[in-house]
Amino acid sequence: MEIVTESLHDIVQNAIAAANNTSQTTSSIDMTGFACALFLAPITDSVKTGKAELQIEGSDDDSTFKQLDIREISATSAANDDLNGKLLRVELKRPLQRYLRAKLISKTANIAFGATHALRYGSMRTPPPGSDDVLDEVVVASPSLKSS
């Protein structure tokens, strides 16, 4: 059996000009064949009191997206330009939805975002389930310890 780990990098959103009280969603990524996704949203310009947020949305059909239930990923500017060159980062492992996208939000005062990147990784190629090469198989998520 051969296990191959691969990754796929996408720029899912070009830079977003400085704005306040606005949001923009990125293009989606298809997680088929990948176990994990990493979203990176660089901040290129910030104004004091501006709040930058990164939310992740998921969909089973690539048309109806809902926000994933994860803690708020955000940063608030304490002084002009203090967030410049820094990132908001979300890493997802084994998402339940096939399609994912980011939502970039600027609140209170101007925040500008650079190009948002998505990295899909952790793909594995193994013999298909039920293959004659597989003598026994099981799929387990988060197993507990076996009692004595």
C-alpha atoms as a PDB file:
ATOM      1  CA  MET A   1       0.000   0.000   0.000  1.00  0.00           C
ATOM      2  CA  GLU A   2       1.327   3.444  -0.916  1.00  0.00           C
ATOM      3  CA  ILE A   3       0.396   6.571   1.017  1.00  0.00           C
ATOM      4  CA  VAL A   4       1.064   9.862  -0.736  1.00  0.00           C
ATOM      5  CA  THR A   5       0.725  13.193   1.028  1.00  0.00           C
ATOM      6  CA  GLU A   6       0.041  16.176  -1.195  1.00  0.00           C
ATOM      7  CA  SER A   7      -1.001  19.775  -0.830  1.00  0.00           C
ATOM      8  CA  LEU A   8      -2.745  22.265  -3.074  1.00  0.00           C
ATOM      9  CA  HIS A   9      -2.348  26.031  -2.755  1.00  0.00           C
ATOM     10  CA  ASP A  10      -4.960  28.522  -3.960  1.00  0.00           C
ATOM     11  CA  ILE A  11      -5.264  32.288  -3.885  1.00  0.00           C
ATOM     12  CA  VAL A  12      -8.963  32.463  -3.107  1.00  0.00           C
ATOM     13  CA  GLN A  13      -9.313  36.250  -2.947  1.00  0.00           C
ATOM     14  CA  ASN A  14      -7.317  39.095  -4.436  1.00  0.00           C
ATOM     15  CA  ALA A  15      -6.439  42.063  -2.226  1.00  0.00           C
ATOM     16  CA  ILE A  16      -9.348  44.020  -0.733  1.00  0.00           C
ATOM     17  CA  ALA A  17      -9.053  47.814  -0.520  1.00  0.00           C
ATOM     18  CA  ALA A  18      -9.394  49.561   2.836  1.00  0.00           C
ATOM     19  CA  ALA A  19     -12.982  49.840   3.999  1.00  0.00           C
ATOM     20  CA  ASN A  20     -14.972  49.869   7.206  1.00  0.00           C
ATOM     21  CA  ASN A  21     -18.158  48.013   8.132  1.00  0.00           C
ATOM     22  CA  THR A  22     -17.947  45.737   5.130  1.00  0.00           C
ATOM     23  CA  SER A  23     -17.447  42.064   4.352  1.00  0.00           C
ATOM     24  CA  GLN A  24     -16.432  39.993   1.364  1.00  0.00           C
ATOM     25  CA  THR A  25     -16.417  36.246   0.783  1.00  0.00           C
ATOM     26  CA  THR A  26     -13.678  34.407  -1.085  1.00  0.00           C
ATOM     27  CA  SER A  27     -14.093  31.779  -3.760  1.00  0.00           C
ATOM     28  CA  SER A  28     -14.630  28.290  -2.368  1.00  0.00           C
ATOM     29  CA  ILE A  29     -12.267  25.346  -2.227  1.00  0.00           C
ATOM     30  CA  ASP A  30     -13.291  21.725  -2.781  1.00  0.00           C
ATOM     31  CA  MET A  31     -12.001  19.529   0.041  1.00  0.00           C
ATOM     32  CA  THR A  32     -12.525  16.238  -1.818  1.00  0.00           C
ATOM     33  CA  GLY A  33      -9.466  14.085  -1.137  1.00  0.00           C
ATOM     34  CA  PHE A  34      -7.992  16.464   1.453  1.00  0.00           C
ATOM     35  CA  ALA A  35      -8.076  16.177   5.235  1.00  0.00           C
ATOM     36  CA  CYS A  36      -7.104  19.730   6.233  1.00  0.00           C
ATOM     37  CA  ALA A  37      -7.317  23.343   5.112  1.00  0.00           C
ATOM     38  CA  LEU A  38      -5.330  26.405   6.151  1.00  0.00           C
ATOM     39  CA  PHE A  39      -6.619  29.935   5.407  1.00  0.00           C
ATOM     40  CA  LEU A  40      -4.237  32.907   5.644  1.00  0.00           C
ATOM     41  CA  ALA A  41      -5.561  36.460   5.406  1.00  0.00           C
ATOM     42  CA  PRO A  42      -2.852  39.154   5.533  1.00  0.00           C
ATOM     43  CA  ILE A  43      -3.690  42.649   6.745  1.00  0.00           C
ATOM     44  CA  THR A  44      -2.008  45.298   4.614  1.00  0.00           C
ATOM     45  CA  ASP A  45      -3.377  48.481   6.184  1.00  0.00           C
ATOM     46  CA  SER A  46      -5.118  49.245   9.468  1.00  0.00           C
ATOM     47  CA  VAL A  47      -6.601  52.346  11.065  1.00  0.00           C
ATOM     48  CA  LYS A  48      -6.888  52.795  14.829  1.00  0.00           C
ATOM     49  CA  THR A  49     -10.027  51.032  16.211  1.00  0.00           C
ATOM     50  CA  GLY A  50     -10.448  49.031  13.000  1.00  0.00           C
ATOM     51  CA  LYS A  51     -11.351  45.416  13.586  1.00  0.00           C
ATOM     52  CA  ALA A  52     -10.368  42.678  11.119  1.00  0.00           C
ATOM     53  CA  GLU A  53     -12.221  39.365  11.242  1.00  0.00           C
ATOM     54  CA  LEU A  54     -11.856  36.068   9.420  1.00  0.00           C
ATOM     55  CA  GLN A  55     -14.774  33.655   9.382  1.00  0.00           C
ATOM     56  CA  ILE A  56     -14.954  30.291   7.636  1.00  0.00           C
ATOM     57  CA  GLU A  57     -18.103  29.073   5.925  1.00  0.00           C
ATOM     58  CA  GLY A  58     -18.954  25.569   4.736  1.00  0.00           C
ATOM     59  CA  SER A  59     -21.313  24.024   2.190  1.00  0.00           C
ATOM     60  CA  ASP A  60     -22.225  20.568   0.942  1.00  0.00           C
ATOM     61  CA  ASP A  61     -23.308  21.797  -2.500  1.00  0.00           C
ATOM     62  CA  ASP A  62     -21.054  24.838  -3.178  1.00  0.00           C
ATOM     63  CA  SER A  63     -24.059  27.175  -3.222  1.00  0.00           C
ATOM     64  CA  THR A  64     -25.581  27.445   0.266  1.00  0.00           C
ATOM     65  CA  PHE A  65     -22.872  28.411   2.765  1.00  0.00           C
ATOM     66  CA  LYS A  66     -23.166  28.722   6.553  1.00  0.00           C
ATOM     67  CA  GLN A  67     -20.620  29.966   9.061  1.00  0.00           C
ATOM     68  CA  LEU A  68     -18.713  27.208  10.876  1.00  0.00           C
ATOM     69  CA  ASP A  69     -18.994  27.112  14.648  1.00  0.00           C
ATOM     70  CA  ILE A  70     -15.470  28.179  15.605  1.00  0.00           C
ATOM     71  CA  ARG A  71     -14.290  30.949  17.899  1.00  0.00           C
ATOM     72  CA  GLU A  72     -13.971  34.464  16.532  1.00  0.00           C
ATOM     73  CA  ILE A  73     -10.704  35.048  14.692  1.00  0.00           C
ATOM     74  CA  SER A  74     -10.046  38.779  14.841  1.00  0.00           C
ATOM     75  CA  ALA A  75      -7.652  41.601  15.634  1.00  0.00           C
ATOM     76  CA  THR A  76      -8.387  45.204  16.605  1.00  0.00           C
ATOM     77  CA  SER A  77      -6.014  48.002  15.714  1.00  0.00           C
ATOM     78  CA  ALA A  78      -4.714  49.974  18.710  1.00  0.00           C
ATOM     79  CA  ALA A  79      -2.821  52.483  16.536  1.00  0.00           C
ATOM     80  CA  ASN A  80      -2.663  53.306  12.856  1.00  0.00           C
ATOM     81  CA  ASP A  81      -0.707  50.677  10.885  1.00  0.00           C
ATOM     82  CA  ASP A  82      -0.013  48.406  13.888  1.00  0.00           C
ATOM     83  CA  LEU A  83      -1.615  45.369  12.208  1.00  0.00           C
ATOM     84  CA  ASN A  84       0.084  45.914   8.842  1.00  0.00           C
ATOM     85  CA  GLY A  85       1.982  42.862   7.614  1.00  0.00           C
ATOM     86  CA  LYS A  86       0.312  40.494  10.103  1.00  0.00           C
ATOM     87  CA  LEU A  87      -2.048  37.567   9.473  1.00  0.00           C
ATOM     88  CA  LEU A  88      -5.350  36.136  10.546  1.00  0.00           C
ATOM     89  CA  ARG A  89      -5.047  32.340  10.326  1.00  0.00           C
ATOM     90  CA  VAL A  90      -7.535  29.468  10.519  1.00  0.00           C
ATOM     91  CA  GLU A  91      -6.563  25.818  10.223  1.00  0.00           C
ATOM     92  CA  LEU A  92      -9.291  23.204   9.876  1.00  0.00           C
ATOM     93  CA  LYS A  93      -8.788  19.482  10.313  1.00  0.00           C
ATOM     94  CA  ARG A  94     -11.334  17.049   8.926  1.00  0.00           C
ATOM     95  CA  PRO A  95     -14.061  19.579   8.089  1.00  0.00           C
ATOM     96  CA  LEU A  96     -17.497  18.039   7.659  1.00  0.00           C
ATOM     97  CA  GLN A  97     -18.441  20.144   4.630  1.00  0.00           C
ATOM     98  CA  ARG A  98     -17.058  19.455   1.155  1.00  0.00           C
ATOM     99  CA  TYR A  99     -16.681  23.143   0.224  1.00  0.00           C
ATOM    100  CA  LEU A 100     -15.083  25.856   2.346  1.00  0.00           C
ATOM    101  CA  ARG A 101     -14.598  29.587   1.896  1.00  0.00           C
ATOM    102  CA  ALA A 102     -13.423  32.517   3.983  1.00  0.00           C
ATOM    103  CA  LYS A 103     -15.339  35.651   4.842  1.00  0.00           C
ATOM    104  CA  LEU A 104     -13.224  38.748   5.480  1.00  0.00           C
ATOM    105  CA  ILE A 105     -14.811  41.446   7.620  1.00  0.00           C
ATOM    106  CA  SER A 106     -13.703  45.004   8.417  1.00  0.00           C
ATOM    107  CA  LYS A 107     -15.511  46.774  11.266  1.00  0.00           C
ATOM    108  CA  THR A 108     -15.456  50.208  12.903  1.00  0.00           C
ATOM    109  CA  ALA A 109     -12.552  51.724  10.919  1.00  0.00           C
ATOM    110  CA  ASN A 110     -10.656  50.915   7.731  1.00  0.00           C
ATOM    111  CA  ILE A 111      -8.895  47.578   7.325  1.00  0.00           C
ATOM    112  CA  ALA A 112      -7.321  46.434   4.037  1.00  0.00           C
ATOM    113  CA  PHE A 113      -6.572  42.778   3.329  1.00  0.00           C
ATOM    114  CA  GLY A 114      -3.940  41.348   1.016  1.00  0.00           C
ATOM    115  CA  ALA A 115      -4.542  38.271  -1.139  1.00  0.00           C
ATOM    116  CA  THR A 116      -6.129  35.491   0.923  1.00  0.00           C
ATOM    117  CA  HIS A 117      -4.484  32.078   0.567  1.00  0.00           C
ATOM    118  CA  ALA A 118      -5.950  28.627   1.142  1.00  0.00           C
ATOM    119  CA  LEU A 119      -3.796  25.538   1.468  1.00  0.00           C
ATOM    120  CA  ARG A 120      -5.438  22.123   1.256  1.00  0.00           C
ATOM    121  CA  TYR A 121      -3.282  19.306   2.541  1.00  0.00           C
ATOM    122  CA  GLY A 122      -3.218  15.850   4.032  1.00  0.00           C
ATOM    123  CA  SER A 123      -4.471  13.915   1.039  1.00  0.00           C
ATOM    124  CA  MET A 124      -3.982  10.179   1.137  1.00  0.00           C
ATOM    125  CA  ARG A 125      -4.269   7.663  -1.631  1.00  0.00           C
ATOM    126  CA  THR A 126      -4.808   4.125  -0.499  1.00  0.00           C
ATOM    127  CA  PRO A 127      -6.489   1.084  -2.011  1.00  0.00           C
ATOM    128  CA  PRO A 128     -10.223   1.812  -2.292  1.00  0.00           C
ATOM    129  CA  PRO A 129     -12.565   0.387   0.379  1.00  0.00           C
ATOM    130  CA  GLY A 130     -13.520  -3.175  -0.467  1.00  0.00           C
ATOM    131  CA  SER A 131     -10.409  -3.692  -2.635  1.00  0.00           C
ATOM    132  CA  ASP A 132      -9.048  -7.238  -2.857  1.00  0.00           C
ATOM    133  CA  ASP A 133      -5.763  -5.835  -1.480  1.00  0.00           C
ATOM    134  CA  VAL A 134      -7.442  -4.906   1.830  1.00  0.00           C
ATOM    135  CA  LEU A 135      -7.817  -7.872   4.194  1.00  0.00           C
ATOM    136  CA  ASP A 136      -9.603  -6.006   6.989  1.00  0.00           C
ATOM    137  CA  GLU A 137     -10.544  -2.374   7.514  1.00  0.00           C
ATOM    138  CA  VAL A 138     -12.096   0.081   9.921  1.00  0.00           C
ATOM    139  CA  VAL A 139     -12.597   3.848   9.913  1.00  0.00           C
ATOM    140  CA  VAL A 140     -12.360   5.478  13.333  1.00  0.00           C
ATOM    141  CA  ALA A 141     -12.594   9.132  14.370  1.00  0.00           C
ATOM    142  CA  SER A 142     -11.225  10.217  17.749  1.00  0.00           C
ATOM    143  CA  PRO A 143     -11.126   6.795  19.445  1.00  0.00           C
ATOM    144  CA  SER A 144     -11.114   6.623  23.222  1.00  0.00           C
ATOM    145  CA  LEU A 145      -8.626   4.583  25.252  1.00  0.00           C
ATOM    146  CA  LYS A 146      -9.360   0.877  25.579  1.00  0.00           C
ATOM    147  CA  SER A 147     -10.290  -0.066  29.119  1.00  0.00           C
ATOM    148  CA  SER A 148      -8.272  -2.785  30.856  1.00  0.00           C
END
